[in-house]
Amino acid sequence: MSLAAVRVSDLRGSTDFYARGLGFVVEREFATPAFDAVILRAGTAGIELIRPKGAAGEEKPDHGNMFNKLVLNVADAAAALRRGVDCGGTEVSPVVEHASYGMAIGVLADPDGHRLELVSRNGSL
């Protein structure tokens, strides 16, 4: 998979959340007649933030009941969770050390409620 595309209500705010909060880098910005978008990358992983134009852009994103979360490998899950909250996200689950698996995991929701599981491997809190 090259990237995941998610609908957002505030393109600038969400771009800041993923870039400043989680360390993604803006690859490109573009517009179509139907939406504005920003593609961000963290290594080979990517996310496309899409903000529909017109009346569709004013509707709250519907997460449905199938999408659950995106999983992000980060150097320090606790630090990434703090930065994400500082940039407009919401802590869903605190970072917990899973020593038997050699990882720490926490869950963050972006400003639109998309869940992000933050995983740091072989690190400690």
PDB file of N, CA and C in Angstrom:
ATOM      1  N   MET A   1       0.847  -1.161   0.000  1.00  0.00           N
ATOM      2  CA  MET A   1       0.000   0.000   0.000  1.00  0.00           C
ATOM      3  C   MET A   1       0.895   1.226   0.000  1.00  0.00           C
ATOM      4  N   SER A   2       0.595   2.161  -0.853  1.00  0.00           N
ATOM      5  CA  SER A   2       1.376   3.381  -0.986  1.00  0.00           C
ATOM      6  C   SER A   2       1.009   4.417   0.064  1.00  0.00           C
ATOM      7  N   LEU A   3      -0.299   4.630   0.253  1.00  0.00           N
ATOM      8  CA  LEU A   3      -0.748   5.588   1.256  1.00  0.00           C
ATOM      9  C   LEU A   3      -2.203   5.346   1.586  1.00  0.00           C
ATOM     10  N   ALA A   4      -2.648   5.938   2.677  1.00  0.00           N
ATOM     11  CA  ALA A   4      -4.059   5.892   3.065  1.00  0.00           C
ATOM     12  C   ALA A   4      -4.616   7.294   2.907  1.00  0.00           C
ATOM     13  N   ALA A   5      -5.831   7.400   2.399  1.00  0.00           N
ATOM     14  CA  ALA A   5      -6.473   8.701   2.223  1.00  0.00           C
ATOM     15  C   ALA A   5      -7.576   8.851   3.262  1.00  0.00           C
ATOM     16  N   VAL A   6      -7.577   9.986   3.954  1.00  0.00           N
ATOM     17  CA  VAL A   6      -8.610  10.253   4.952  1.00  0.00           C
ATOM     18  C   VAL A   6      -9.206  11.635   4.718  1.00  0.00           C
ATOM     19  N   ARG A   7     -10.497  11.729   4.944  1.00  0.00           N
ATOM     20  CA  ARG A   7     -11.205  12.996   4.794  1.00  0.00           C
ATOM     21  C   ARG A   7     -11.040  13.803   6.077  1.00  0.00           C
ATOM     22  N   VAL A   8     -10.761  15.092   5.919  1.00  0.00           N
ATOM     23  CA  VAL A   8     -10.573  15.968   7.073  1.00  0.00           C
ATOM     24  C   VAL A   8     -11.462  17.199   6.942  1.00  0.00           C
ATOM     25  N   SER A   9     -11.742  17.837   8.072  1.00  0.00           N
ATOM     26  CA  SER A   9     -12.585  19.030   8.060  1.00  0.00           C
ATOM     27  C   SER A   9     -11.765  20.311   7.974  1.00  0.00           C
ATOM     28  N   ASP A  10     -10.497  20.260   8.388  1.00  0.00           N
ATOM     29  CA  ASP A  10      -9.617  21.434   8.376  1.00  0.00           C
ATOM     30  C   ASP A  10      -8.274  20.993   7.796  1.00  0.00           C
ATOM     31  N   LEU A  11      -8.057  21.265   6.522  1.00  0.00           N
ATOM     32  CA  LEU A  11      -6.856  20.779   5.839  1.00  0.00           C
ATOM     33  C   LEU A  11      -5.581  21.337   6.462  1.00  0.00           C
ATOM     34  N   ARG A  12      -5.549  22.625   6.755  1.00  0.00           N
ATOM     35  CA  ARG A  12      -4.351  23.235   7.357  1.00  0.00           C
ATOM     36  C   ARG A  12      -4.093  22.658   8.745  1.00  0.00           C
ATOM     37  N   GLY A  13      -5.141  22.583   9.559  1.00  0.00           N
ATOM     38  CA  GLY A  13      -4.983  22.057  10.916  1.00  0.00           C
ATOM     39  C   GLY A  13      -4.532  20.610  10.925  1.00  0.00           C
ATOM     40  N   SER A  14      -5.111  19.799  10.042  1.00  0.00           N
ATOM     41  CA  SER A  14      -4.723  18.392   9.971  1.00  0.00           C
ATOM     42  C   SER A  14      -3.312  18.225   9.426  1.00  0.00           C
ATOM     43  N   THR A  15      -2.930  19.061   8.468  1.00  0.00           N
ATOM     44  CA  THR A  15      -1.559  19.024   7.950  1.00  0.00           C
ATOM     45  C   THR A  15      -0.578  19.330   9.072  1.00  0.00           C
ATOM     46  N   ASP A  16      -0.876  20.334   9.881  1.00  0.00           N
ATOM     47  CA  ASP A  16      -0.028  20.688  11.019  1.00  0.00           C
ATOM     48  C   ASP A  16       0.042  19.533  12.017  1.00  0.00           C
ATOM     49  N   PHE A  17      -1.090  18.903  12.292  1.00  0.00           N
ATOM     50  CA  PHE A  17      -1.137  17.778  13.226  1.00  0.00           C
ATOM     51  C   PHE A  17      -0.200  16.660  12.774  1.00  0.00           C
ATOM     52  N   TYR A  18      -0.300  16.252  11.517  1.00  0.00           N
ATOM     53  CA  TYR A  18       0.522  15.144  11.031  1.00  0.00           C
ATOM     54  C   TYR A  18       1.984  15.546  10.838  1.00  0.00           C
ATOM     55  N   ALA A  19       2.241  16.783  10.425  1.00  0.00           N
ATOM     56  CA  ALA A  19       3.625  17.223  10.194  1.00  0.00           C
ATOM     57  C   ALA A  19       4.321  17.564  11.512  1.00  0.00           C
ATOM     58  N   ARG A  20       3.793  18.529  12.219  1.00  0.00           N
ATOM     59  CA  ARG A  20       4.447  18.987  13.444  1.00  0.00           C
ATOM     60  C   ARG A  20       4.245  18.002  14.585  1.00  0.00           C
ATOM     61  N   GLY A  21       3.046  17.426  14.665  1.00  0.00           N
ATOM     62  CA  GLY A  21       2.746  16.519  15.764  1.00  0.00           C
ATOM     63  C   GLY A  21       3.358  15.140  15.621  1.00  0.00           C
ATOM     64  N   LEU A  22       3.344  14.584  14.394  1.00  0.00           N
ATOM     65  CA  LEU A  22       3.791  13.203  14.218  1.00  0.00           C
ATOM     66  C   LEU A  22       5.002  13.041  13.310  1.00  0.00           C
ATOM     67  N   GLY A  23       5.564  14.142  12.823  1.00  0.00           N
ATOM     68  CA  GLY A  23       6.807  14.063  12.069  1.00  0.00           C
ATOM     69  C   GLY A  23       6.692  13.724  10.599  1.00  0.00           C
ATOM     70  N   PHE A  24       5.487  13.758  10.033  1.00  0.00           N
ATOM     71  CA  PHE A  24       5.342  13.546   8.593  1.00  0.00           C
ATOM     72  C   PHE A  24       5.896  14.762   7.850  1.00  0.00           C
ATOM     73  N   VAL A  25       6.267  14.565   6.597  1.00  0.00           N
ATOM     74  CA  VAL A  25       6.795  15.633   5.745  1.00  0.00           C
ATOM     75  C   VAL A  25       5.836  15.826   4.572  1.00  0.00           C
ATOM     76  N   VAL A  26       5.507  17.085   4.296  1.00  0.00           N
ATOM     77  CA  VAL A  26       4.613  17.370   3.171  1.00  0.00           C
ATOM     78  C   VAL A  26       5.326  17.024   1.871  1.00  0.00           C
ATOM     79  N   GLU A  27       4.718  16.148   1.083  1.00  0.00           N
ATOM     80  CA  GLU A  27       5.264  15.767  -0.212  1.00  0.00           C
ATOM     81  C   GLU A  27       4.706  16.663  -1.311  1.00  0.00           C
ATOM     82  N   ARG A  28       3.394  16.890  -1.285  1.00  0.00           N
ATOM     83  CA  ARG A  28       2.792  17.773  -2.284  1.00  0.00           C
ATOM     84  C   ARG A  28       1.391  18.179  -1.861  1.00  0.00           C
ATOM     85  N   GLU A  29       0.988  19.312  -2.395  1.00  0.00           N
ATOM     86  CA  GLU A  29      -0.369  19.818  -2.206  1.00  0.00           C
ATOM     87  C   GLU A  29      -0.983  19.965  -3.589  1.00  0.00           C
ATOM     88  N   PHE A  30      -2.278  19.679  -3.702  1.00  0.00           N
ATOM     89  CA  PHE A  30      -2.932  19.843  -4.995  1.00  0.00           C
ATOM     90  C   PHE A  30      -4.426  20.043  -4.799  1.00  0.00           C
ATOM     91  N   ALA A  31      -5.078  20.474  -5.875  1.00  0.00           N
ATOM     92  CA  ALA A  31      -6.520  20.707  -5.842  1.00  0.00           C
ATOM     93  C   ALA A  31      -7.156  20.112  -7.088  1.00  0.00           C
ATOM     94  N   THR A  32      -8.360  19.622  -6.929  1.00  0.00           N
ATOM     95  CA  THR A  32      -9.184  19.160  -8.043  1.00  0.00           C
ATOM     96  C   THR A  32     -10.485  19.962  -7.968  1.00  0.00           C
ATOM     97  N   PRO A  33     -11.357  19.834  -8.940  1.00  0.00           N
ATOM     98  CA  PRO A  33     -12.640  20.533  -8.828  1.00  0.00           C
ATOM     99  C   PRO A  33     -13.464  20.079  -7.610  1.00  0.00           C
ATOM    100  N   ALA A  34     -13.239  18.857  -7.131  1.00  0.00           N
ATOM    101  CA  ALA A  34     -14.039  18.311  -6.032  1.00  0.00           C
ATOM    102  C   ALA A  34     -13.406  18.440  -4.650  1.00  0.00           C
ATOM    103  N   PHE A  35     -12.071  18.536  -4.574  1.00  0.00           N
ATOM    104  CA  PHE A  35     -11.427  18.577  -3.259  1.00  0.00           C
ATOM    105  C   PHE A  35     -10.039  19.194  -3.332  1.00  0.00           C
ATOM    106  N   ASP A  36      -9.547  19.624  -2.156  1.00  0.00           N
ATOM    107  CA  ASP A  36      -8.159  20.034  -1.962  1.00  0.00           C
ATOM    108  C   ASP A  36      -7.483  18.904  -1.196  1.00  0.00           C
ATOM    109  N   ALA A  37      -6.176  18.707  -1.412  1.00  0.00           N
ATOM    110  CA  ALA A  37      -5.498  17.597  -0.753  1.00  0.00           C
ATOM    111  C   ALA A  37      -4.041  17.924  -0.460  1.00  0.00           C
ATOM    112  N   VAL A  38      -3.523  17.229   0.537  1.00  0.00           N
ATOM    113  CA  VAL A  38      -2.103  17.284   0.890  1.00  0.00           C
ATOM    114  C   VAL A  38      -1.648  15.845   1.094  1.00  0.00           C
ATOM    115  N   ILE A  39      -0.528  15.482   0.477  1.00  0.00           N
ATOM    116  CA  ILE A  39       0.075  14.171   0.702  1.00  0.00           C
ATOM    117  C   ILE A  39       1.290  14.378   1.590  1.00  0.00           C
ATOM    118  N   LEU A  40       1.344  13.602   2.670  1.00  0.00           N
ATOM    119  CA  LEU A  40       2.457  13.658   3.610  1.00  0.00           C
ATOM    120  C   LEU A  40       3.094  12.279   3.688  1.00  0.00           C
ATOM    121  N   ARG A  41       4.388  12.246   3.987  1.00  0.00           N
ATOM    122  CA  ARG A  41       5.109  10.976   4.087  1.00  0.00           C
ATOM    123  C   ARG A  41       5.918  10.919   5.380  1.00  0.00           C
ATOM    124  N   ALA A  42       6.042   9.694   5.874  1.00  0.00           N
ATOM    125  CA  ALA A  42       6.949   9.367   6.973  1.00  0.00           C
ATOM    126  C   ALA A  42       7.686   8.128   6.486  1.00  0.00           C
ATOM    127  N   GLY A  43       8.846   8.340   5.890  1.00  0.00           N
ATOM    128  CA  GLY A  43       9.536   7.236   5.234  1.00  0.00           C
ATOM    129  C   GLY A  43       8.739   6.814   4.018  1.00  0.00           C
ATOM    130  N   THR A  44       8.460   5.520   3.908  1.00  0.00           N
ATOM    131  CA  THR A  44       7.670   5.043   2.772  1.00  0.00           C
ATOM    132  C   THR A  44       6.166   5.094   3.040  1.00  0.00           C
ATOM    133  N   ALA A  45       5.790   5.304   4.286  1.00  0.00           N
ATOM    134  CA  ALA A  45       4.364   5.397   4.630  1.00  0.00           C
ATOM    135  C   ALA A  45       3.834   6.767   4.241  1.00  0.00           C
ATOM    136  N   GLY A  46       2.605   6.800   3.780  1.00  0.00           N
ATOM    137  CA  GLY A  46       2.027   8.078   3.386  1.00  0.00           C
ATOM    138  C   GLY A  46       0.573   8.200   3.778  1.00  0.00           C
ATOM    139  N   ILE A  47       0.141   9.443   3.898  1.00  0.00           N
ATOM    140  CA  ILE A  47      -1.260   9.737   4.161  1.00  0.00           C
ATOM    141  C   ILE A  47      -1.676  10.893   3.267  1.00  0.00           C
ATOM    142  N   GLU A  48      -2.844  10.764   2.657  1.00  0.00           N
ATOM    143  CA  GLU A  48      -3.396  11.833   1.834  1.00  0.00           C
ATOM    144  C   GLU A  48      -4.572  12.426   2.599  1.00  0.00           C
ATOM    145  N   LEU A  49      -4.468  13.697   2.937  1.00  0.00           N
ATOM    146  CA  LEU A  49      -5.541  14.404   3.625  1.00  0.00           C
ATOM    147  C   LEU A  49      -6.417  15.058   2.568  1.00  0.00           C
ATOM    148  N   ILE A  50      -7.702  14.783   2.603  1.00  0.00           N
ATOM    149  CA  ILE A  50      -8.633  15.280   1.587  1.00  0.00           C
ATOM    150  C   ILE A  50      -9.704  16.138   2.245  1.00  0.00           C
ATOM    151  N   ARG A  51      -9.880  17.350   1.722  1.00  0.00           N
ATOM    152  CA  ARG A  51     -10.936  18.262   2.193  1.00  0.00           C
ATOM    153  C   ARG A  51     -11.859  18.538   1.020  1.00  0.00           C
ATOM    154  N   PRO A  52     -13.077  17.929   1.015  1.00  0.00           N
ATOM    155  CA  PRO A  52     -14.018  18.173  -0.080  1.00  0.00           C
ATOM    156  C   PRO A  52     -14.402  19.648  -0.167  1.00  0.00           C
ATOM    157  N   LYS A  53     -14.713  20.088  -1.377  1.00  0.00           N
ATOM    158  CA  LYS A  53     -15.149  21.471  -1.598  1.00  0.00           C
ATOM    159  C   LYS A  53     -16.674  21.546  -1.556  1.00  0.00           C
ATOM    160  N   GLY A  54     -17.191  22.733  -1.374  1.00  0.00           N
ATOM    161  CA  GLY A  54     -18.632  22.944  -1.406  1.00  0.00           C
ATOM    162  C   GLY A  54     -19.332  22.365  -0.196  1.00  0.00           C
ATOM    163  N   ALA A  55     -20.599  22.035  -0.370  1.00  0.00           N
ATOM    164  CA  ALA A  55     -21.422  21.534   0.730  1.00  0.00           C
ATOM    165  C   ALA A  55     -20.859  20.250   1.331  1.00  0.00           C
ATOM    166  N   ALA A  56     -20.263  19.390   0.515  1.00  0.00           N
ATOM    167  CA  ALA A  56     -19.701  18.135   1.027  1.00  0.00           C
ATOM    168  C   ALA A  56     -18.595  18.395   2.042  1.00  0.00           C
ATOM    169  N   GLY A  57     -17.874  19.493   1.875  1.00  0.00           N
ATOM    170  CA  GLY A  57     -16.803  19.826   2.800  1.00  0.00           C
ATOM    171  C   GLY A  57     -17.294  20.320   4.143  1.00  0.00           C
ATOM    172  N   GLU A  58     -18.545  20.716   4.214  1.00  0.00           N
ATOM    173  CA  GLU A  58     -19.117  21.205   5.466  1.00  0.00           C
ATOM    174  C   GLU A  58     -19.683  20.076   6.323  1.00  0.00           C
ATOM    175  N   GLU A  59     -19.876  18.910   5.732  1.00  0.00           N
ATOM    176  CA  GLU A  59     -20.428  17.778   6.472  1.00  0.00           C
ATOM    177  C   GLU A  59     -19.346  17.132   7.322  1.00  0.00           C
ATOM    178  N   LYS A  60     -19.723  16.712   8.518  1.00  0.00           N
ATOM    179  CA  LYS A  60     -18.786  16.012   9.397  1.00  0.00           C
ATOM    180  C   LYS A  60     -18.424  14.673   8.757  1.00  0.00           C
ATOM    181  N   PRO A  61     -17.127  14.311   8.755  1.00  0.00           N
ATOM    182  CA  PRO A  61     -16.742  13.024   8.175  1.00  0.00           C
ATOM    183  C   PRO A  61     -17.448  11.866   8.873  1.00  0.00           C
ATOM    184  N   ASP A  62     -17.929  10.921   8.097  1.00  0.00           N
ATOM    185  CA  ASP A  62     -18.571   9.728   8.631  1.00  0.00           C
ATOM    186  C   ASP A  62     -17.535   8.610   8.620  1.00  0.00           C
ATOM    187  N   HIS A  63     -17.177   8.126   9.793  1.00  0.00           N
ATOM    188  CA  HIS A  63     -16.150   7.092   9.891  1.00  0.00           C
ATOM    189  C   HIS A  63     -16.700   5.698   9.611  1.00  0.00           C
ATOM    190  N   GLY A  64     -18.014   5.579   9.486  1.00  0.00           N
ATOM    191  CA  GLY A  64     -18.593   4.273   9.215  1.00  0.00           C
ATOM    192  C   GLY A  64     -18.303   3.306  10.348  1.00  0.00           C
ATOM    193  N   ASN A  65     -18.371   2.022  10.063  1.00  0.00           N
ATOM    194  CA  ASN A  65     -18.109   1.048  11.117  1.00  0.00           C
ATOM    195  C   ASN A  65     -17.047   0.024  10.727  1.00  0.00           C
ATOM    196  N   MET A  66     -16.324   0.272   9.652  1.00  0.00           N
ATOM    197  CA  MET A  66     -15.314  -0.683   9.211  1.00  0.00           C
ATOM    198  C   MET A  66     -13.894  -0.206   9.501  1.00  0.00           C
ATOM    199  N   PHE A  67     -13.607   1.072   9.245  1.00  0.00           N
ATOM    200  CA  PHE A  67     -12.257   1.592   9.473  1.00  0.00           C
ATOM    201  C   PHE A  67     -11.987   1.628  10.965  1.00  0.00           C
ATOM    202  N   ASN A  68     -10.861   1.107  11.393  1.00  0.00           N
ATOM    203  CA  ASN A  68     -10.555   1.089  12.811  1.00  0.00           C
ATOM    204  C   ASN A  68      -9.426   2.039  13.166  1.00  0.00           C
ATOM    205  N   LYS A  69      -8.252   1.885  12.521  1.00  0.00           N
ATOM    206  CA  LYS A  69      -7.106   2.706  12.903  1.00  0.00           C
ATOM    207  C   LYS A  69      -6.008   2.615  11.859  1.00  0.00           C
ATOM    208  N   LEU A  70      -5.093   3.576  11.946  1.00  0.00           N
ATOM    209  CA  LEU A  70      -3.829   3.517  11.222  1.00  0.00           C
ATOM    210  C   LEU A  70      -2.765   3.213  12.266  1.00  0.00           C
ATOM    211  N   VAL A  71      -1.788   2.399  11.931  1.00  0.00           N
ATOM    212  CA  VAL A  71      -0.709   2.066  12.855  1.00  0.00           C
ATOM    213  C   VAL A  71       0.554   2.766  12.378  1.00  0.00           C
ATOM    214  N   LEU A  72       1.156   3.551  13.274  1.00  0.00           N
ATOM    215  CA  LEU A  72       2.373   4.289  12.948  1.00  0.00           C
ATOM    216  C   LEU A  72       3.509   3.814  13.836  1.00  0.00           C
ATOM    217  N   ASN A  73       4.619   3.398  13.236  1.00  0.00           N
ATOM    218  CA  ASN A  73       5.820   3.088  13.993  1.00  0.00           C
ATOM    219  C   ASN A  73       6.561   4.390  14.234  1.00  0.00           C
ATOM    220  N   VAL A  74       6.838   4.681  15.492  1.00  0.00           N
ATOM    221  CA  VAL A  74       7.504   5.924  15.878  1.00  0.00           C
ATOM    222  C   VAL A  74       8.675   5.595  16.795  1.00  0.00           C
ATOM    223  N   ALA A  75       9.625   6.516  16.894  1.00  0.00           N
ATOM    224  CA  ALA A  75      10.791   6.289  17.747  1.00  0.00           C
ATOM    225  C   ALA A  75      10.406   6.253  19.225  1.00  0.00           C
ATOM    226  N   ASP A  76       9.462   7.093  19.628  1.00  0.00           N
ATOM    227  CA  ASP A  76       9.070   7.215  21.031  1.00  0.00           C
ATOM    228  C   ASP A  76       7.558   7.452  21.086  1.00  0.00           C
ATOM    229  N   ALA A  77       6.804   6.406  21.422  1.00  0.00           N
ATOM    230  CA  ALA A  77       5.341   6.503  21.412  1.00  0.00           C
ATOM    231  C   ALA A  77       4.825   7.556  22.381  1.00  0.00           C
ATOM    232  N   ALA A  78       5.413   7.650  23.565  1.00  0.00           N
ATOM    233  CA  ALA A  78       4.945   8.626  24.555  1.00  0.00           C
ATOM    234  C   ALA A  78       5.166  10.050  24.064  1.00  0.00           C
ATOM    235  N   ALA A  79       6.327  10.313  23.475  1.00  0.00           N
ATOM    236  CA  ALA A  79       6.609  11.659  22.955  1.00  0.00           C
ATOM    237  C   ALA A  79       5.695  11.980  21.776  1.00  0.00           C
ATOM    238  N   ALA A  80       5.460  11.007  20.899  1.00  0.00           N
ATOM    239  CA  ALA A  80       4.573  11.230  19.749  1.00  0.00           C
ATOM    240  C   ALA A  80       3.149  11.501  20.221  1.00  0.00           C
ATOM    241  N   LEU A  81       2.711  10.791  21.245  1.00  0.00           N
ATOM    242  CA  LEU A  81       1.372  11.013  21.789  1.00  0.00           C
ATOM    243  C   LEU A  81       1.254  12.426  22.357  1.00  0.00           C
ATOM    244  N   ARG A  82       2.253  12.868  23.118  1.00  0.00           N
ATOM    245  CA  ARG A  82       2.239  14.236  23.677  1.00  0.00           C
ATOM    246  C   ARG A  82       2.219  15.282  22.573  1.00  0.00           C
ATOM    247  N   ARG A  83       3.075  15.117  21.553  1.00  0.00           N
ATOM    248  CA  ARG A  83       3.102  16.082  20.446  1.00  0.00           C
ATOM    249  C   ARG A  83       1.766  16.104  19.708  1.00  0.00           C
ATOM    250  N   GLY A  84       1.187  14.924  19.496  1.00  0.00           N
ATOM    251  CA  GLY A  84      -0.101  14.852  18.819  1.00  0.00           C
ATOM    252  C   GLY A  84      -1.190  15.583  19.585  1.00  0.00           C
ATOM    253  N   VAL A  85      -1.223  15.415  20.896  1.00  0.00           N
ATOM    254  CA  VAL A  85      -2.204  16.126  21.727  1.00  0.00           C
ATOM    255  C   VAL A  85      -1.940  17.629  21.672  1.00  0.00           C
ATOM    256  N   ASP A  86      -0.670  18.021  21.737  1.00  0.00           N
ATOM    257  CA  ASP A  86      -0.318  19.448  21.659  1.00  0.00           C
ATOM    258  C   ASP A  86      -0.744  20.070  20.331  1.00  0.00           C
ATOM    259  N   CYS A  87      -0.859  19.256  19.286  1.00  0.00           N
ATOM    260  CA  CYS A  87      -1.217  19.755  17.953  1.00  0.00           C
ATOM    261  C   CYS A  87      -2.681  19.501  17.605  1.00  0.00           C
ATOM    262  N   GLY A  88      -3.516  19.275  18.600  1.00  0.00           N
ATOM    263  CA  GLY A  88      -4.952  19.179  18.359  1.00  0.00           C
ATOM    264  C   GLY A  88      -5.554  17.795  18.410  1.00  0.00           C
ATOM    265  N   GLY A  89      -4.751  16.778  18.685  1.00  0.00           N
ATOM    266  CA  GLY A  89      -5.282  15.423  18.788  1.00  0.00           C
ATOM    267  C   GLY A  89      -5.837  15.148  20.177  1.00  0.00           C
ATOM    268  N   THR A  90      -6.416  13.965  20.348  1.00  0.00           N
ATOM    269  CA  THR A  90      -6.993  13.558  21.623  1.00  0.00           C
ATOM    270  C   THR A  90      -6.435  12.194  22.010  1.00  0.00           C
ATOM    271  N   GLU A  91      -5.959  12.075  23.247  1.00  0.00           N
ATOM    272  CA  GLU A  91      -5.480  10.783  23.723  1.00  0.00           C
ATOM    273  C   GLU A  91      -6.664   9.836  23.878  1.00  0.00           C
ATOM    274  N   VAL A  92      -6.573   8.665  23.255  1.00  0.00           N
ATOM    275  CA  VAL A  92      -7.605   7.637  23.371  1.00  0.00           C
ATOM    276  C   VAL A  92      -7.176   6.616  24.417  1.00  0.00           C
ATOM    277  N   SER A  93      -5.914   6.176  24.346  1.00  0.00           N
ATOM    278  CA  SER A  93      -5.340   5.234  25.311  1.00  0.00           C
ATOM    279  C   SER A  93      -3.924   5.681  25.622  1.00  0.00           C
ATOM    280  N   PRO A  94      -3.541   5.705  26.894  1.00  0.00           N
ATOM    281  CA  PRO A  94      -2.172   6.098  27.222  1.00  0.00           C
ATOM    282  C   PRO A  94      -1.182   5.061  26.696  1.00  0.00           C
ATOM    283  N   VAL A  95       0.057   5.470  26.604  1.00  0.00           N
ATOM    284  CA  VAL A  95       1.104   4.549  26.149  1.00  0.00           C
ATOM    285  C   VAL A  95       1.360   3.519  27.246  1.00  0.00           C
ATOM    286  N   VAL A  96       1.344   2.255  26.859  1.00  0.00           N
ATOM    287  CA  VAL A  96       1.587   1.148  27.777  1.00  0.00           C
ATOM    288  C   VAL A  96       2.755   0.335  27.237  1.00  0.00           C
ATOM    289  N   GLU A  97       3.670  -0.011  28.123  1.00  0.00           N
ATOM    290  CA  GLU A  97       4.824  -0.841  27.768  1.00  0.00           C
ATOM    291  C   GLU A  97       4.383  -2.303  27.733  1.00  0.00           C
ATOM    292  N   HIS A  98       4.649  -2.969  26.625  1.00  0.00           N
ATOM    293  CA  HIS A  98       4.367  -4.395  26.475  1.00  0.00           C
ATOM    294  C   HIS A  98       5.715  -5.101  26.365  1.00  0.00           C
ATOM    295  N   ALA A  99       6.345  -5.323  27.516  1.00  0.00           N
ATOM    296  CA  ALA A  99       7.710  -5.849  27.561  1.00  0.00           C
ATOM    297  C   ALA A  99       7.835  -7.194  26.851  1.00  0.00           C
ATOM    298  N   SER A 100       6.838  -8.040  26.974  1.00  0.00           N
ATOM    299  CA  SER A 100       6.946  -9.364  26.352  1.00  0.00           C
ATOM    300  C   SER A 100       6.976  -9.282  24.825  1.00  0.00           C
ATOM    301  N   TYR A 101       6.476  -8.178  24.269  1.00  0.00           N
ATOM    302  CA  TYR A 101       6.503  -7.971  22.820  1.00  0.00           C
ATOM    303  C   TYR A 101       7.593  -6.995  22.401  1.00  0.00           C
ATOM    304  N   GLY A 102       8.273  -6.383  23.374  1.00  0.00           N
ATOM    305  CA  GLY A 102       9.333  -5.435  23.058  1.00  0.00           C
ATOM    306  C   GLY A 102       8.832  -4.150  22.438  1.00  0.00           C
ATOM    307  N   MET A 103       7.652  -3.697  22.878  1.00  0.00           N
ATOM    308  CA  MET A 103       7.111  -2.469  22.300  1.00  0.00           C
ATOM    309  C   MET A 103       6.240  -1.720  23.304  1.00  0.00           C
ATOM    310  N   ALA A 104       6.071  -0.440  23.001  1.00  0.00           N
ATOM    311  CA  ALA A 104       5.154   0.414  23.750  1.00  0.00           C
ATOM    312  C   ALA A 104       4.091   0.890  22.769  1.00  0.00           C
ATOM    313  N   ILE A 105       2.826   0.921  23.212  1.00  0.00           N
ATOM    314  CA  ILE A 105       1.716   1.267  22.322  1.00  0.00           C
ATOM    315  C   ILE A 105       0.776   2.244  23.017  1.00  0.00           C
ATOM    316  N   GLY A 106       0.393   3.289  22.288  1.00  0.00           N
ATOM    317  CA  GLY A 106      -0.624   4.234  22.737  1.00  0.00           C
ATOM    318  C   GLY A 106      -1.521   4.566  21.563  1.00  0.00           C
ATOM    319  N   VAL A 107      -2.701   5.103  21.844  1.00  0.00           N
ATOM    320  CA  VAL A 107      -3.642   5.431  20.771  1.00  0.00           C
ATOM    321  C   VAL A 107      -4.044   6.892  20.874  1.00  0.00           C
ATOM    322  N   LEU A 108      -4.032   7.544  19.722  1.00  0.00           N
ATOM    323  CA  LEU A 108      -4.317   8.963  19.581  1.00  0.00           C
ATOM    324  C   LEU A 108      -5.382   9.124  18.508  1.00  0.00           C
ATOM    325  N   ALA A 109      -6.279  10.092  18.690  1.00  0.00           N
ATOM    326  CA  ALA A 109      -7.234  10.429  17.628  1.00  0.00           C
ATOM    327  C   ALA A 109      -6.808  11.756  17.026  1.00  0.00           C
ATOM    328  N   ASP A 110      -6.817  11.845  15.695  1.00  0.00           N
ATOM    329  CA  ASP A 110      -6.474  13.113  15.051  1.00  0.00           C
ATOM    330  C   ASP A 110      -7.639  14.089  15.233  1.00  0.00           C
ATOM    331  N   PRO A 111      -7.511  15.341  14.782  1.00  0.00           N
ATOM    332  CA  PRO A 111      -8.579  16.315  15.009  1.00  0.00           C
ATOM    333  C   PRO A 111      -9.944  15.918  14.444  1.00  0.00           C
ATOM    334  N   ASP A 112      -9.995  14.983  13.488  1.00  0.00           N
ATOM    335  CA  ASP A 112     -11.269  14.527  12.939  1.00  0.00           C
ATOM    336  C   ASP A 112     -11.723  13.202  13.530  1.00  0.00           C
ATOM    337  N   GLY A 113     -10.988  12.685  14.499  1.00  0.00           N
ATOM    338  CA  GLY A 113     -11.389  11.447  15.157  1.00  0.00           C
ATOM    339  C   GLY A 113     -10.809  10.177  14.579  1.00  0.00           C
ATOM    340  N   HIS A 114      -9.965  10.267  13.546  1.00  0.00           N
ATOM    341  CA  HIS A 114      -9.312   9.073  13.002  1.00  0.00           C
ATOM    342  C   HIS A 114      -8.327   8.556  14.049  1.00  0.00           C
ATOM    343  N   ARG A 115      -8.399   7.269  14.360  1.00  0.00           N
ATOM    344  CA  ARG A 115      -7.528   6.695  15.391  1.00  0.00           C
ATOM    345  C   ARG A 115      -6.169   6.300  14.810  1.00  0.00           C
ATOM    346  N   LEU A 116      -5.136   6.606  15.586  1.00  0.00           N
ATOM    347  CA  LEU A 116      -3.759   6.302  15.210  1.00  0.00           C
ATOM    348  C   LEU A 116      -3.123   5.521  16.353  1.00  0.00           C
ATOM    349  N   GLU A 117      -2.686   4.299  16.067  1.00  0.00           N
ATOM    350  CA  GLU A 117      -1.975   3.516  17.069  1.00  0.00           C
ATOM    351  C   GLU A 117      -0.494   3.829  16.919  1.00  0.00           C
ATOM    352  N   LEU A 118       0.105   4.354  17.968  1.00  0.00           N
ATOM    353  CA  LEU A 118       1.516   4.738  17.957  1.00  0.00           C
ATOM    354  C   LEU A 118       2.319   3.615  18.591  1.00  0.00           C
ATOM    355  N   VAL A 119       3.268   3.063  17.848  1.00  0.00           N
ATOM    356  CA  VAL A 119       4.040   1.912  18.308  1.00  0.00           C
ATOM    357  C   VAL A 119       5.518   2.252  18.277  1.00  0.00           C
ATOM    358  N   SER A 120       6.183   2.095  19.433  1.00  0.00           N
ATOM    359  CA  SER A 120       7.648   2.201  19.445  1.00  0.00           C
ATOM    360  C   SER A 120       8.181   0.846  19.895  1.00  0.00           C
ATOM    361  N   ARG A 121       9.170   0.380  19.185  1.00  0.00           N
ATOM    362  CA  ARG A 121       9.711  -0.951  19.447  1.00  0.00           C
ATOM    363  C   ARG A 121      11.026  -0.872  20.213  1.00  0.00           C
ATOM    364  N   ASN A 122      11.179  -1.827  21.134  1.00  0.00           N
ATOM    365  CA  ASN A 122      12.413  -1.966  21.908  1.00  0.00           C
ATOM    366  C   ASN A 122      12.818  -0.690  22.618  1.00  0.00           C
ATOM    367  N   GLY A 123      11.846   0.121  22.967  1.00  0.00           N
ATOM    368  CA  GLY A 123      12.127   1.331  23.722  1.00  0.00           C
ATOM    369  C   GLY A 123      11.435   1.240  25.056  1.00  0.00           C
ATOM    370  N   SER A 124      11.754   2.156  25.908  1.00  0.00           N
ATOM    371  CA  SER A 124      11.071   2.157  27.196  1.00  0.00           C
ATOM    372  C   SER A 124      10.389   3.492  27.382  1.00  0.00           C
ATOM    373  N   LEU A 125       9.418   3.503  28.285  1.00  0.00           N
ATOM    374  CA  LEU A 125       8.704   4.732  28.588  1.00  0.00           C
ATOM    375  C   LEU A 125       9.619   5.585  29.420  1.00  0.00           C
TER     376      LEU A 125
END
